[in-house]
PDB file of N, CA and C in Angstrom:
ATOM      1  N   UNK A   1      13.831  45.832  26.575  1.00  0.00           N
ATOM      2  CA  UNK A   1      12.486  45.576  26.138  1.00  0.00           C
ATOM      3  C   UNK A   1      12.095  46.494  24.991  1.00  0.00           C
ATOM      4  N   UNK A   2      12.461  47.759  25.107  1.00  0.00           N
ATOM      5  CA  UNK A   2      12.136  48.717  24.057  1.00  0.00           C
ATOM      6  C   UNK A   2      12.856  48.341  22.774  1.00  0.00           C
ATOM      7  N   UNK A   3      14.107  47.919  22.898  1.00  0.00           N
ATOM      8  CA  UNK A   3      14.878  47.553  21.702  1.00  0.00           C
ATOM      9  C   UNK A   3      14.250  46.359  20.992  1.00  0.00           C
ATOM     10  N   UNK A   4      13.827  45.325  21.713  1.00  0.00           N
ATOM     11  CA  UNK A   4      13.221  44.164  21.065  1.00  0.00           C
ATOM     12  C   UNK A   4      11.886  44.533  20.426  1.00  0.00           C
ATOM     13  N   UNK A   5      11.152  45.443  21.043  1.00  0.00           N
ATOM     14  CA  UNK A   5       9.894  45.907  20.462  1.00  0.00           C
ATOM     15  C   UNK A   5      10.158  46.662  19.157  1.00  0.00           C
ATOM     16  N   UNK A   6      11.201  47.469  19.158  1.00  0.00           N
ATOM     17  CA  UNK A   6      11.580  48.214  17.953  1.00  0.00           C
ATOM     18  C   UNK A   6      11.954  47.258  16.829  1.00  0.00           C
ATOM     19  N   UNK A   7      12.731  46.227  17.161  1.00  0.00           N
ATOM     20  CA  UNK A   7      13.151  45.246  16.149  1.00  0.00           C
ATOM     21  C   UNK A   7      11.942  44.505  15.601  1.00  0.00           C
ATOM     22  N   UNK A   8      11.022  44.117  16.466  1.00  0.00           N
ATOM     23  CA  UNK A   8       9.821  43.420  16.015  1.00  0.00           C
ATOM     24  C   UNK A   8       8.981  44.316  15.112  1.00  0.00           C
ATOM     25  N   UNK A   9       8.830  45.586  15.497  1.00  0.00           N
ATOM     26  CA  UNK A   9       8.056  46.531  14.682  1.00  0.00           C
ATOM     27  C   UNK A   9       8.740  46.747  13.339  1.00  0.00           C
ATOM     28  N   UNK A  10      10.039  46.881  13.358  1.00  0.00           N
ATOM     29  CA  UNK A  10      10.805  47.065  12.117  1.00  0.00           C
ATOM     30  C   UNK A  10      10.636  45.854  11.205  1.00  0.00           C
ATOM     31  N   UNK A  11      10.666  44.649  11.783  1.00  0.00           N
ATOM     32  CA  UNK A  11      10.458  43.436  11.002  1.00  0.00           C
ATOM     33  C   UNK A  11       9.067  43.378  10.400  1.00  0.00           C
ATOM     34  N   UNK A  12       8.067  43.832  11.156  1.00  0.00           N
ATOM     35  CA  UNK A  12       6.699  43.865  10.656  1.00  0.00           C
ATOM     36  C   UNK A  12       6.591  44.827   9.481  1.00  0.00           C
ATOM     37  N   UNK A  13       7.198  46.008   9.600  1.00  0.00           N
ATOM     38  CA  UNK A  13       7.174  46.959   8.489  1.00  0.00           C
ATOM     39  C   UNK A  13       7.888  46.390   7.266  1.00  0.00           C
ATOM     40  N   UNK A  14       8.956  45.666   7.488  1.00  0.00           N
ATOM     41  CA  UNK A  14       9.669  45.053   6.364  1.00  0.00           C
ATOM     42  C   UNK A  14       8.776  44.035   5.672  1.00  0.00           C
ATOM     43  N   UNK A  15       8.046  43.225   6.452  1.00  0.00           N
ATOM     44  CA  UNK A  15       7.134  42.250   5.863  1.00  0.00           C
ATOM     45  C   UNK A  15       6.006  42.930   5.093  1.00  0.00           C
ATOM     46  N   UNK A  16       5.443  43.974   5.678  1.00  0.00           N
ATOM     47  CA  UNK A  16       4.383  44.708   4.995  1.00  0.00           C
ATOM     48  C   UNK A  16       4.943  45.309   3.714  1.00  0.00           C
ATOM     49  N   UNK A  17       6.150  45.869   3.786  1.00  0.00           N
ATOM     50  CA  UNK A  17       6.785  46.441   2.598  1.00  0.00           C
ATOM     51  C   UNK A  17       6.989  45.392   1.524  1.00  0.00           C
ATOM     52  N   UNK A  18       7.419  44.202   1.906  1.00  0.00           N
ATOM     53  CA  UNK A  18       7.600  43.114   0.935  1.00  0.00           C
ATOM     54  C   UNK A  18       6.259  42.704   0.338  1.00  0.00           C
ATOM     55  N   UNK A  19       5.240  42.651   1.169  1.00  0.00           N
ATOM     56  CA  UNK A  19       3.905  42.306   0.674  1.00  0.00           C
ATOM     57  C   UNK A  19       3.404  43.340  -0.318  1.00  0.00           C
ATOM     58  N   UNK A  20       3.636  44.604  -0.007  1.00  0.00           N
ATOM     59  CA  UNK A  20       3.216  45.666  -0.925  1.00  0.00           C
ATOM     60  C   UNK A  20       4.002  45.592  -2.222  1.00  0.00           C
ATOM     61  N   UNK A  21       5.270  45.288  -2.136  1.00  0.00           N
ATOM     62  CA  UNK A  21       6.097  45.162  -3.340  1.00  0.00           C
ATOM     63  C   UNK A  21       5.619  43.989  -4.191  1.00  0.00           C
ATOM     64  N   UNK A  22       5.233  42.891  -3.555  1.00  0.00           N
ATOM     65  CA  UNK A  22       4.732  41.734  -4.290  1.00  0.00           C
ATOM     66  C   UNK A  22       3.430  42.077  -4.999  1.00  0.00           C
ATOM     67  N   UNK A  23       2.567  42.817  -4.318  1.00  0.00           N
ATOM     68  CA  UNK A  23       1.306  43.232  -4.931  1.00  0.00           C
ATOM     69  C   UNK A  23       1.584  44.164  -6.104  1.00  0.00           C
ATOM     70  N   UNK A  24       2.506  45.100  -5.926  1.00  0.00           N
ATOM     71  CA  UNK A  24       2.864  46.013  -7.006  1.00  0.00           C
ATOM     72  C   UNK A  24       3.461  45.254  -8.181  1.00  0.00           C
ATOM     73  N   UNK A  25       4.342  44.307  -7.911  1.00  0.00           N
ATOM     74  CA  UNK A  25       4.954  43.517  -8.992  1.00  0.00           C
ATOM     75  C   UNK A  25       3.898  42.722  -9.745  1.00  0.00           C
ATOM     76  N   UNK A  26       2.961  42.132  -9.020  1.00  0.00           N
ATOM     77  CA  UNK A  26       1.890  41.372  -9.678  1.00  0.00           C
ATOM     78  C   UNK A  26       1.025  42.295 -10.523  1.00  0.00           C
ATOM     79  N   UNK A  27       0.731  43.483 -10.010  1.00  0.00           N
ATOM     80  CA  UNK A  27      -0.067  44.448 -10.766  1.00  0.00           C
ATOM     81  C   UNK A  27       0.665  44.868 -12.032  1.00  0.00           C
ATOM     82  N   UNK A  28       1.953  45.184 -11.916  1.00  0.00           N
ATOM     83  CA  UNK A  28       2.722  45.599 -13.088  1.00  0.00           C
ATOM     84  C   UNK A  28       2.833  44.477 -14.113  1.00  0.00           C
ATOM     85  N   UNK A  29       2.990  43.254 -13.650  1.00  0.00           N
ATOM     86  CA  UNK A  29       3.055  42.115 -14.569  1.00  0.00           C
ATOM     87  C   UNK A  29       1.728  41.952 -15.301  1.00  0.00           C
ATOM     88  N   UNK A  30       0.629  42.125 -14.579  1.00  0.00           N
ATOM     89  CA  UNK A  30      -0.690  42.016 -15.196  1.00  0.00           C
ATOM     90  C   UNK A  30      -0.882  43.115 -16.232  1.00  0.00           C
ATOM     91  N   UNK A  31      -0.444  44.320 -15.921  1.00  0.00           N
ATOM     92  CA  UNK A  31      -0.560  45.428 -16.869  1.00  0.00           C
ATOM     93  C   UNK A  31       0.288  45.179 -18.106  1.00  0.00           C
ATOM     94  N   UNK A  32       1.486  44.650 -17.916  1.00  0.00           N
ATOM     95  CA  UNK A  32       2.354  44.347 -19.051  1.00  0.00           C
ATOM     96  C   UNK A  32       1.720  43.289 -19.939  1.00  0.00           C
ATOM     97  N   UNK A  33       1.125  42.281 -19.347  1.00  0.00           N
ATOM     98  CA  UNK A  33       0.479  41.223 -20.121  1.00  0.00           C
ATOM     99  C   UNK A  33      -0.692  41.780 -20.911  1.00  0.00           C
ATOM    100  N   UNK A  34      -1.436  42.699 -20.308  1.00  0.00           N
ATOM    101  CA  UNK A  34      -2.593  43.280 -20.983  1.00  0.00           C
ATOM    102  C   UNK A  34      -2.160  44.176 -22.135  1.00  0.00           C
ATOM    103  N   UNK A  35      -1.024  44.833 -21.997  1.00  0.00           N
ATOM    104  CA  UNK A  35      -0.586  45.771 -23.015  1.00  0.00           C
ATOM    105  C   UNK A  35       0.159  45.081 -24.156  1.00  0.00           C
ATOM    106  N   UNK A  36       1.076  44.211 -23.850  1.00  0.00           N
ATOM    107  CA  UNK A  36       1.858  43.558 -24.889  1.00  0.00           C
ATOM    108  C   UNK A  36       2.285  42.170 -24.425  1.00  0.00           C
ATOM    109  N   UNK A  37       1.537  41.148 -24.826  1.00  0.00           N
ATOM    110  CA  UNK A  37       1.861  39.791 -24.380  1.00  0.00           C
ATOM    111  C   UNK A  37       3.252  39.335 -24.825  1.00  0.00           C
ATOM    112  N   UNK A  38       3.722  39.812 -25.970  1.00  0.00           N
ATOM    113  CA  UNK A  38       5.054  39.397 -26.441  1.00  0.00           C
ATOM    114  C   UNK A  38       6.135  39.923 -25.502  1.00  0.00           C
ATOM    115  N   UNK A  39       6.016  41.182 -25.101  1.00  0.00           N
ATOM    116  CA  UNK A  39       7.005  41.743 -24.168  1.00  0.00           C
ATOM    117  C   UNK A  39       6.931  41.045 -22.816  1.00  0.00           C
ATOM    118  N   UNK A  40       5.726  40.776 -22.363  1.00  0.00           N
ATOM    119  CA  UNK A  40       5.572  40.066 -21.096  1.00  0.00           C
ATOM    120  C   UNK A  40       6.147  38.658 -21.216  1.00  0.00           C
ATOM    121  N   UNK A  41       5.901  38.009 -22.340  1.00  0.00           N
ATOM    122  CA  UNK A  41       6.466  36.681 -22.577  1.00  0.00           C
ATOM    123  C   UNK A  41       7.982  36.700 -22.586  1.00  0.00           C
ATOM    124  N   UNK A  42       8.543  37.745 -23.179  1.00  0.00           N
ATOM    125  CA  UNK A  42      10.007  37.865 -23.185  1.00  0.00           C
ATOM    126  C   UNK A  42      10.538  37.990 -21.762  1.00  0.00           C
ATOM    127  N   UNK A  43       9.840  38.766 -20.944  1.00  0.00           N
ATOM    128  CA  UNK A  43      10.216  38.908 -19.542  1.00  0.00           C
ATOM    129  C   UNK A  43      10.155  37.554 -18.827  1.00  0.00           C
ATOM    130  N   UNK A  44       9.054  36.834 -19.035  1.00  0.00           N
ATOM    131  CA  UNK A  44       8.883  35.535 -18.387  1.00  0.00           C
ATOM    132  C   UNK A  44       9.905  34.515 -18.891  1.00  0.00           C
ATOM    133  N   UNK A  45      10.284  34.619 -20.155  1.00  0.00           N
ATOM    134  CA  UNK A  45      11.194  33.646 -20.769  1.00  0.00           C
ATOM    135  C   UNK A  45      12.578  33.657 -20.133  1.00  0.00           C
ATOM    136  N   UNK A  46      12.894  34.713 -19.390  1.00  0.00           N
ATOM    137  CA  UNK A  46      14.200  34.731 -18.724  1.00  0.00           C
ATOM    138  C   UNK A  46      14.329  33.556 -17.764  1.00  0.00           C
ATOM    139  N   UNK A  47      13.203  33.106 -17.206  1.00  0.00           N
ATOM    140  CA  UNK A  47      13.220  31.930 -16.340  1.00  0.00           C
ATOM    141  C   UNK A  47      13.432  30.657 -17.148  1.00  0.00           C
ATOM    142  N   UNK A  48      12.824  30.592 -18.331  1.00  0.00           N
ATOM    143  CA  UNK A  48      12.941  29.403 -19.191  1.00  0.00           C
ATOM    144  C   UNK A  48      14.378  29.200 -19.660  1.00  0.00           C
ATOM    145  N   UNK A  49      15.055  30.334 -19.901  1.00  0.00           N
ATOM    146  CA  UNK A  49      16.409  30.253 -20.453  1.00  0.00           C
ATOM    147  C   UNK A  49      17.422  29.696 -19.465  1.00  0.00           C
ATOM    148  N   UNK A  50      16.993  29.492 -18.232  1.00  0.00           N
ATOM    149  CA  UNK A  50      17.874  28.834 -17.269  1.00  0.00           C
ATOM    150  C   UNK A  50      18.220  27.429 -17.755  1.00  0.00           C
ATOM    151  N   UNK A  51      17.240  26.765 -18.367  1.00  0.00           N
ATOM    152  CA  UNK A  51      17.446  25.406 -18.868  1.00  0.00           C
ATOM    153  C   UNK A  51      17.405  25.328 -20.395  1.00  0.00           C
ATOM    154  N   UNK A  52      16.469  26.048 -21.007  1.00  0.00           N
ATOM    155  CA  UNK A  52      16.240  25.941 -22.450  1.00  0.00           C
ATOM    156  C   UNK A  52      17.009  27.004 -23.213  1.00  0.00           C
ATOM    157  N   UNK A  53      17.497  26.606 -24.375  1.00  0.00           N
ATOM    158  CA  UNK A  53      18.067  27.567 -25.319  1.00  0.00           C
ATOM    159  C   UNK A  53      17.005  27.873 -26.360  1.00  0.00           C
ATOM    160  N   UNK A  54      17.201  28.925 -27.103  1.00  0.00           N
ATOM    161  CA  UNK A  54      16.236  29.287 -28.137  1.00  0.00           C
ATOM    162  C   UNK A  54      16.398  28.461 -29.398  1.00  0.00           C
ATOM    163  N   UNK A  55      17.653  28.129 -29.737  1.00  0.00           N
ATOM    164  CA  UNK A  55      17.900  27.605 -31.071  1.00  0.00           C
ATOM    165  C   UNK A  55      18.644  26.279 -31.160  1.00  0.00           C
ATOM    166  N   UNK A  56      18.978  25.686 -30.058  1.00  0.00           N
ATOM    167  CA  UNK A  56      19.726  24.429 -30.117  1.00  0.00           C
ATOM    168  C   UNK A  56      19.466  23.596 -28.866  1.00  0.00           C
ATOM    169  N   UNK A  57      19.540  22.292 -29.048  1.00  0.00           N
ATOM    170  CA  UNK A  57      19.366  21.400 -27.903  1.00  0.00           C
ATOM    171  C   UNK A  57      20.520  21.580 -26.932  1.00  0.00           C
ATOM    172  N   UNK A  58      20.209  21.468 -25.656  1.00  0.00           N
ATOM    173  CA  UNK A  58      21.208  21.432 -24.592  1.00  0.00           C
ATOM    174  C   UNK A  58      21.054  20.066 -23.954  1.00  0.00           C
ATOM    175  N   UNK A  59      21.800  19.091 -24.457  1.00  0.00           N
ATOM    176  CA  UNK A  59      21.595  17.715 -24.026  1.00  0.00           C
ATOM    177  C   UNK A  59      20.247  17.253 -24.520  1.00  0.00           C
ATOM    178  N   UNK A  60      19.375  16.823 -23.601  1.00  0.00           N
ATOM    179  CA  UNK A  60      18.035  16.361 -23.966  1.00  0.00           C
ATOM    180  C   UNK A  60      16.986  17.465 -23.856  1.00  0.00           C
ATOM    181  N   UNK A  61      17.402  18.661 -23.451  1.00  0.00           N
ATOM    182  CA  UNK A  61      16.460  19.761 -23.262  1.00  0.00           C
ATOM    183  C   UNK A  61      16.221  20.453 -24.604  1.00  0.00           C
ATOM    184  N   UNK A  62      14.972  20.455 -25.061  1.00  0.00           N
ATOM    185  CA  UNK A  62      14.692  21.025 -26.385  1.00  0.00           C
ATOM    186  C   UNK A  62      14.745  22.553 -26.395  1.00  0.00           C
ATOM    187  N   UNK A  63      15.096  23.123 -27.545  1.00  0.00           N
ATOM    188  CA  UNK A  63      15.049  24.579 -27.682  1.00  0.00           C
ATOM    189  C   UNK A  63      13.599  25.047 -27.779  1.00  0.00           C
ATOM    190  N   UNK A  64      13.333  26.261 -27.374  1.00  0.00           N
ATOM    191  CA  UNK A  64      11.966  26.771 -27.392  1.00  0.00           C
ATOM    192  C   UNK A  64      11.699  27.731 -28.549  1.00  0.00           C
ATOM    193  N   UNK A  65      12.735  28.269 -29.146  1.00  0.00           N
ATOM    194  CA  UNK A  65      12.557  29.260 -30.198  1.00  0.00           C
ATOM    195  C   UNK A  65      11.916  28.723 -31.453  1.00  0.00           C
ATOM    196  N   UNK A  66      11.844  27.420 -31.605  1.00  0.00           N
ATOM    197  CA  UNK A  66      11.261  26.852 -32.823  1.00  0.00           C
ATOM    198  C   UNK A  66       9.818  26.386 -32.633  1.00  0.00           C
ATOM    199  N   UNK A  67       9.286  26.501 -31.432  1.00  0.00           N
ATOM    200  CA  UNK A  67       7.968  25.931 -31.154  1.00  0.00           C
ATOM    201  C   UNK A  67       6.833  26.833 -31.647  1.00  0.00           C
ATOM    202  N   UNK A  68       5.888  26.267 -32.393  1.00  0.00           N
ATOM    203  CA  UNK A  68       4.701  27.033 -32.781  1.00  0.00           C
ATOM    204  C   UNK A  68       3.873  27.408 -31.549  1.00  0.00           C
ATOM    205  N   UNK A  69       3.158  28.502 -31.646  1.00  0.00           N
ATOM    206  CA  UNK A  69       2.392  29.033 -30.519  1.00  0.00           C
ATOM    207  C   UNK A  69       1.395  28.016 -29.974  1.00  0.00           C
ATOM    208  N   UNK A  70       0.611  27.420 -30.833  1.00  0.00           N
ATOM    209  CA  UNK A  70      -0.397  26.455 -30.375  1.00  0.00           C
ATOM    210  C   UNK A  70       0.244  25.252 -29.697  1.00  0.00           C
ATOM    211  N   UNK A  71       1.346  24.773 -30.247  1.00  0.00           N
ATOM    212  CA  UNK A  71       2.038  23.628 -29.670  1.00  0.00           C
ATOM    213  C   UNK A  71       2.524  23.951 -28.259  1.00  0.00           C
ATOM    214  N   UNK A  72       3.092  25.146 -28.090  1.00  0.00           N
ATOM    215  CA  UNK A  72       3.602  25.545 -26.783  1.00  0.00           C
ATOM    216  C   UNK A  72       2.481  25.551 -25.747  1.00  0.00           C
ATOM    217  N   UNK A  73       1.339  26.143 -26.100  1.00  0.00           N
ATOM    218  CA  UNK A  73       0.207  26.221 -25.169  1.00  0.00           C
ATOM    219  C   UNK A  73      -0.279  24.821 -24.801  1.00  0.00           C
ATOM    220  N   UNK A  74      -0.443  23.967 -25.804  1.00  0.00           N
ATOM    221  CA  UNK A  74      -0.910  22.598 -25.544  1.00  0.00           C
ATOM    222  C   UNK A  74       0.081  21.857 -24.652  1.00  0.00           C
ATOM    223  N   UNK A  75       1.365  21.988 -24.942  1.00  0.00           N
ATOM    224  CA  UNK A  75       2.388  21.289 -24.145  1.00  0.00           C
ATOM    225  C   UNK A  75       2.345  21.736 -22.690  1.00  0.00           C
ATOM    226  N   UNK A  76       2.246  23.031 -22.452  1.00  0.00           N
ATOM    227  CA  UNK A  76       2.225  23.525 -21.074  1.00  0.00           C
ATOM    228  C   UNK A  76       0.968  23.066 -20.346  1.00  0.00           C
ATOM    229  N   UNK A  77      -0.152  23.043 -21.041  1.00  0.00           N
ATOM    230  CA  UNK A  77      -1.389  22.563 -20.417  1.00  0.00           C
ATOM    231  C   UNK A  77      -1.308  21.072 -20.119  1.00  0.00           C
ATOM    232  N   UNK A  78      -0.617  20.329 -20.971  1.00  0.00           N
ATOM    233  CA  UNK A  78      -0.435  18.900 -20.709  1.00  0.00           C
ATOM    234  C   UNK A  78       0.476  18.662 -19.513  1.00  0.00           C
ATOM    235  N   UNK A  79       1.479  19.506 -19.330  1.00  0.00           N
ATOM    236  CA  UNK A  79       2.303  19.403 -18.123  1.00  0.00           C
ATOM    237  C   UNK A  79       1.460  19.724 -16.891  1.00  0.00           C
ATOM    238  N   UNK A  80       0.632  20.762 -16.987  1.00  0.00           N
ATOM    239  CA  UNK A  80      -0.220  21.141 -15.850  1.00  0.00           C
ATOM    240  C   UNK A  80      -1.190  20.026 -15.478  1.00  0.00           C
ATOM    241  N   UNK A  81      -1.736  19.358 -16.465  1.00  0.00           N
ATOM    242  CA  UNK A  81      -2.729  18.313 -16.201  1.00  0.00           C
ATOM    243  C   UNK A  81      -2.091  16.990 -15.785  1.00  0.00           C
ATOM    244  N   UNK A  82      -0.787  16.871 -15.982  1.00  0.00           N
ATOM    245  CA  UNK A  82      -0.109  15.624 -15.666  1.00  0.00           C
ATOM    246  C   UNK A  82      -0.056  14.659 -16.838  1.00  0.00           C
ATOM    247  N   UNK A  83      -0.599  15.066 -17.959  1.00  0.00           N
ATOM    248  CA  UNK A  83      -0.564  14.192 -19.147  1.00  0.00           C
ATOM    249  C   UNK A  83       0.872  13.986 -19.628  1.00  0.00           C
ATOM    250  N   UNK A  84       1.682  15.031 -19.509  1.00  0.00           N
ATOM    251  CA  UNK A  84       3.118  14.892 -19.783  1.00  0.00           C
ATOM    252  C   UNK A  84       3.823  14.764 -18.445  1.00  0.00           C
ATOM    253  N   UNK A  85       4.800  13.857 -18.403  1.00  0.00           N
ATOM    254  CA  UNK A  85       5.456  13.545 -17.145  1.00  0.00           C
ATOM    255  C   UNK A  85       6.917  13.973 -17.172  1.00  0.00           C
ATOM    256  N   UNK A  86       7.167  15.152 -16.639  1.00  0.00           N
ATOM    257  CA  UNK A  86       8.517  15.636 -16.418  1.00  0.00           C
ATOM    258  C   UNK A  86       8.430  16.484 -15.156  1.00  0.00           C
ATOM    259  N   UNK A  87       8.984  16.008 -14.050  1.00  0.00           N
ATOM    260  CA  UNK A  87       8.793  16.700 -12.773  1.00  0.00           C
ATOM    261  C   UNK A  87       9.158  18.184 -12.808  1.00  0.00           C
ATOM    262  N   UNK A  88      10.243  18.532 -13.469  1.00  0.00           N
ATOM    263  CA  UNK A  88      10.641  19.939 -13.523  1.00  0.00           C
ATOM    264  C   UNK A  88       9.611  20.757 -14.286  1.00  0.00           C
ATOM    265  N   UNK A  89       9.172  20.254 -15.442  1.00  0.00           N
ATOM    266  CA  UNK A  89       8.218  21.005 -16.256  1.00  0.00           C
ATOM    267  C   UNK A  89       6.825  21.022 -15.635  1.00  0.00           C
ATOM    268  N   UNK A  90       6.441  19.968 -14.950  1.00  0.00           N
ATOM    269  CA  UNK A  90       5.159  19.961 -14.254  1.00  0.00           C
ATOM    270  C   UNK A  90       5.157  21.070 -13.203  1.00  0.00           C
ATOM    271  N   UNK A  91       6.251  21.191 -12.476  1.00  0.00           N
ATOM    272  CA  UNK A  91       6.378  22.236 -11.463  1.00  0.00           C
ATOM    273  C   UNK A  91       6.318  23.626 -12.089  1.00  0.00           C
ATOM    274  N   UNK A  92       7.043  23.809 -13.179  1.00  0.00           N
ATOM    275  CA  UNK A  92       7.045  25.106 -13.867  1.00  0.00           C
ATOM    276  C   UNK A  92       5.650  25.428 -14.390  1.00  0.00           C
ATOM    277  N   UNK A  93       5.036  24.490 -15.073  1.00  0.00           N
ATOM    278  CA  UNK A  93       3.710  24.721 -15.663  1.00  0.00           C
ATOM    279  C   UNK A  93       2.671  25.030 -14.595  1.00  0.00           C
ATOM    280  N   UNK A  94       2.731  24.336 -13.483  1.00  0.00           N
ATOM    281  CA  UNK A  94       1.769  24.577 -12.406  1.00  0.00           C
ATOM    282  C   UNK A  94       1.924  25.960 -11.782  1.00  0.00           C
ATOM    283  N   UNK A  95       3.112  26.531 -11.894  1.00  0.00           N
ATOM    284  CA  UNK A  95       3.358  27.866 -11.345  1.00  0.00           C
ATOM    285  C   UNK A  95       2.893  28.973 -12.294  1.00  0.00           C
ATOM    286  N   UNK A  96       2.593  28.632 -13.543  1.00  0.00           N
ATOM    287  CA  UNK A  96       2.209  29.634 -14.537  1.00  0.00           C
ATOM    288  C   UNK A  96       0.692  29.757 -14.646  1.00  0.00           C
ATOM    289  N   UNK A  97       0.233  30.984 -14.787  1.00  0.00           N
ATOM    290  CA  UNK A  97      -1.188  31.228 -15.044  1.00  0.00           C
ATOM    291  C   UNK A  97      -1.455  31.026 -16.537  1.00  0.00           C
ATOM    292  N   UNK A  98      -2.712  30.979 -16.897  1.00  0.00           N
ATOM    293  CA  UNK A  98      -3.088  30.862 -18.318  1.00  0.00           C
ATOM    294  C   UNK A  98      -2.539  32.045 -19.110  1.00  0.00           C
ATOM    295  N   UNK A  99      -2.618  33.247 -18.530  1.00  0.00           N
ATOM    296  CA  UNK A  99      -2.114  34.456 -19.195  1.00  0.00           C
ATOM    297  C   UNK A  99      -0.607  34.376 -19.405  1.00  0.00           C
ATOM    298  N   UNK A 100       0.099  33.834 -18.434  1.00  0.00           N
ATOM    299  CA  UNK A 100       1.546  33.706 -18.564  1.00  0.00           C
ATOM    300  C   UNK A 100       1.912  32.691 -19.644  1.00  0.00           C
ATOM    301  N   UNK A 101       1.177  31.596 -19.716  1.00  0.00           N
ATOM    302  CA  UNK A 101       1.417  30.602 -20.770  1.00  0.00           C
ATOM    303  C   UNK A 101       1.163  31.227 -22.134  1.00  0.00           C
ATOM    304  N   UNK A 102       0.080  31.960 -22.265  1.00  0.00           N
ATOM    305  CA  UNK A 102      -0.236  32.625 -23.538  1.00  0.00           C
ATOM    306  C   UNK A 102       0.832  33.649 -23.907  1.00  0.00           C
ATOM    307  N   UNK A 103       1.328  34.389 -22.928  1.00  0.00           N
ATOM    308  CA  UNK A 103       2.371  35.385 -23.192  1.00  0.00           C
ATOM    309  C   UNK A 103       3.664  34.715 -23.638  1.00  0.00           C
ATOM    310  N   UNK A 104       4.042  33.632 -22.975  1.00  0.00           N
ATOM    311  CA  UNK A 104       5.240  32.899 -23.395  1.00  0.00           C
ATOM    312  C   UNK A 104       5.077  32.354 -24.813  1.00  0.00           C
ATOM    313  N   UNK A 105       3.911  31.797 -25.095  1.00  0.00           N
ATOM    314  CA  UNK A 105       3.645  31.266 -26.434  1.00  0.00           C
ATOM    315  C   UNK A 105       3.720  32.379 -27.472  1.00  0.00           C
ATOM    316  N   UNK A 106       3.182  33.556 -27.144  1.00  0.00           N
ATOM    317  CA  UNK A 106       3.229  34.698 -28.064  1.00  0.00           C
ATOM    318  C   UNK A 106       4.670  35.133 -28.311  1.00  0.00           C
ATOM    319  N   UNK A 107       5.479  35.134 -27.264  1.00  0.00           N
ATOM    320  CA  UNK A 107       6.888  35.515 -27.414  1.00  0.00           C
ATOM    321  C   UNK A 107       7.630  34.539 -28.318  1.00  0.00           C
ATOM    322  N   UNK A 108       7.493  33.251 -28.050  1.00  0.00           N
ATOM    323  CA  UNK A 108       8.193  32.274 -28.883  1.00  0.00           C
ATOM    324  C   UNK A 108       7.666  32.279 -30.321  1.00  0.00           C
ATOM    325  N   UNK A 109       6.374  32.539 -30.496  1.00  0.00           N
ATOM    326  CA  UNK A 109       5.809  32.650 -31.842  1.00  0.00           C
ATOM    327  C   UNK A 109       6.376  33.859 -32.567  1.00  0.00           C
ATOM    328  N   UNK A 110       6.555  34.944 -31.836  1.00  0.00           N
ATOM    329  CA  UNK A 110       7.124  36.166 -32.437  1.00  0.00           C
ATOM    330  C   UNK A 110       8.554  35.907 -32.942  1.00  0.00           C
ATOM    331  N   UNK A 111       9.282  35.074 -32.234  1.00  0.00           N
ATOM    332  CA  UNK A 111      10.646  34.735 -32.675  1.00  0.00           C
ATOM    333  C   UNK A 111      10.619  33.982 -34.004  1.00  0.00           C
ATOM    334  N   UNK A 112       9.534  33.254 -34.224  1.00  0.00           N
ATOM    335  CA  UNK A 112       9.365  32.494 -35.473  1.00  0.00           C
ATOM    336  C   UNK A 112       8.762  33.349 -36.564  1.00  0.00           C
ATOM    337  N   UNK A 113       8.303  34.542 -36.212  1.00  0.00           N
ATOM    338  CA  UNK A 113       7.641  35.404 -37.167  1.00  0.00           C
ATOM    339  C   UNK A 113       6.195  35.030 -37.392  1.00  0.00           C
ATOM    340  N   UNK A 114       5.549  34.428 -36.378  1.00  0.00           N
ATOM    341  CA  UNK A 114       4.166  33.961 -36.497  1.00  0.00           C
ATOM    342  C   UNK A 114       3.124  35.020 -36.194  1.00  0.00           C
ATOM    343  N   UNK A 115       3.529  36.184 -35.736  1.00  0.00           N
ATOM    344  CA  UNK A 115       2.542  37.191 -35.317  1.00  0.00           C
ATOM    345  C   UNK A 115       1.634  37.591 -36.441  1.00  0.00           C
TER     346      UNK A 115
END
């Protein structure tokens, strides 16, 4: 009985620790976005690079390094609203906050020299 109680308590501490880490990660991400949206966008873009390349098409998947900042923001908002229909991108866009979309747009614009 004592052993199962210990395991349950240990699991609870692990969950609390994970929750605290998630809060810390969210706080650090927010601070990074506030300080330098381009750097935060570069961090976020690591997820985009799973499918998208910066400079060349990968099959039908367009590169992101050539997109103007305003176009990127509009496109992501259209995915969020359902105006553009691509299940993968709708899911991605819905997971992003406005600040994250702006940071990604700033990063891709910086690659174009738009800053």
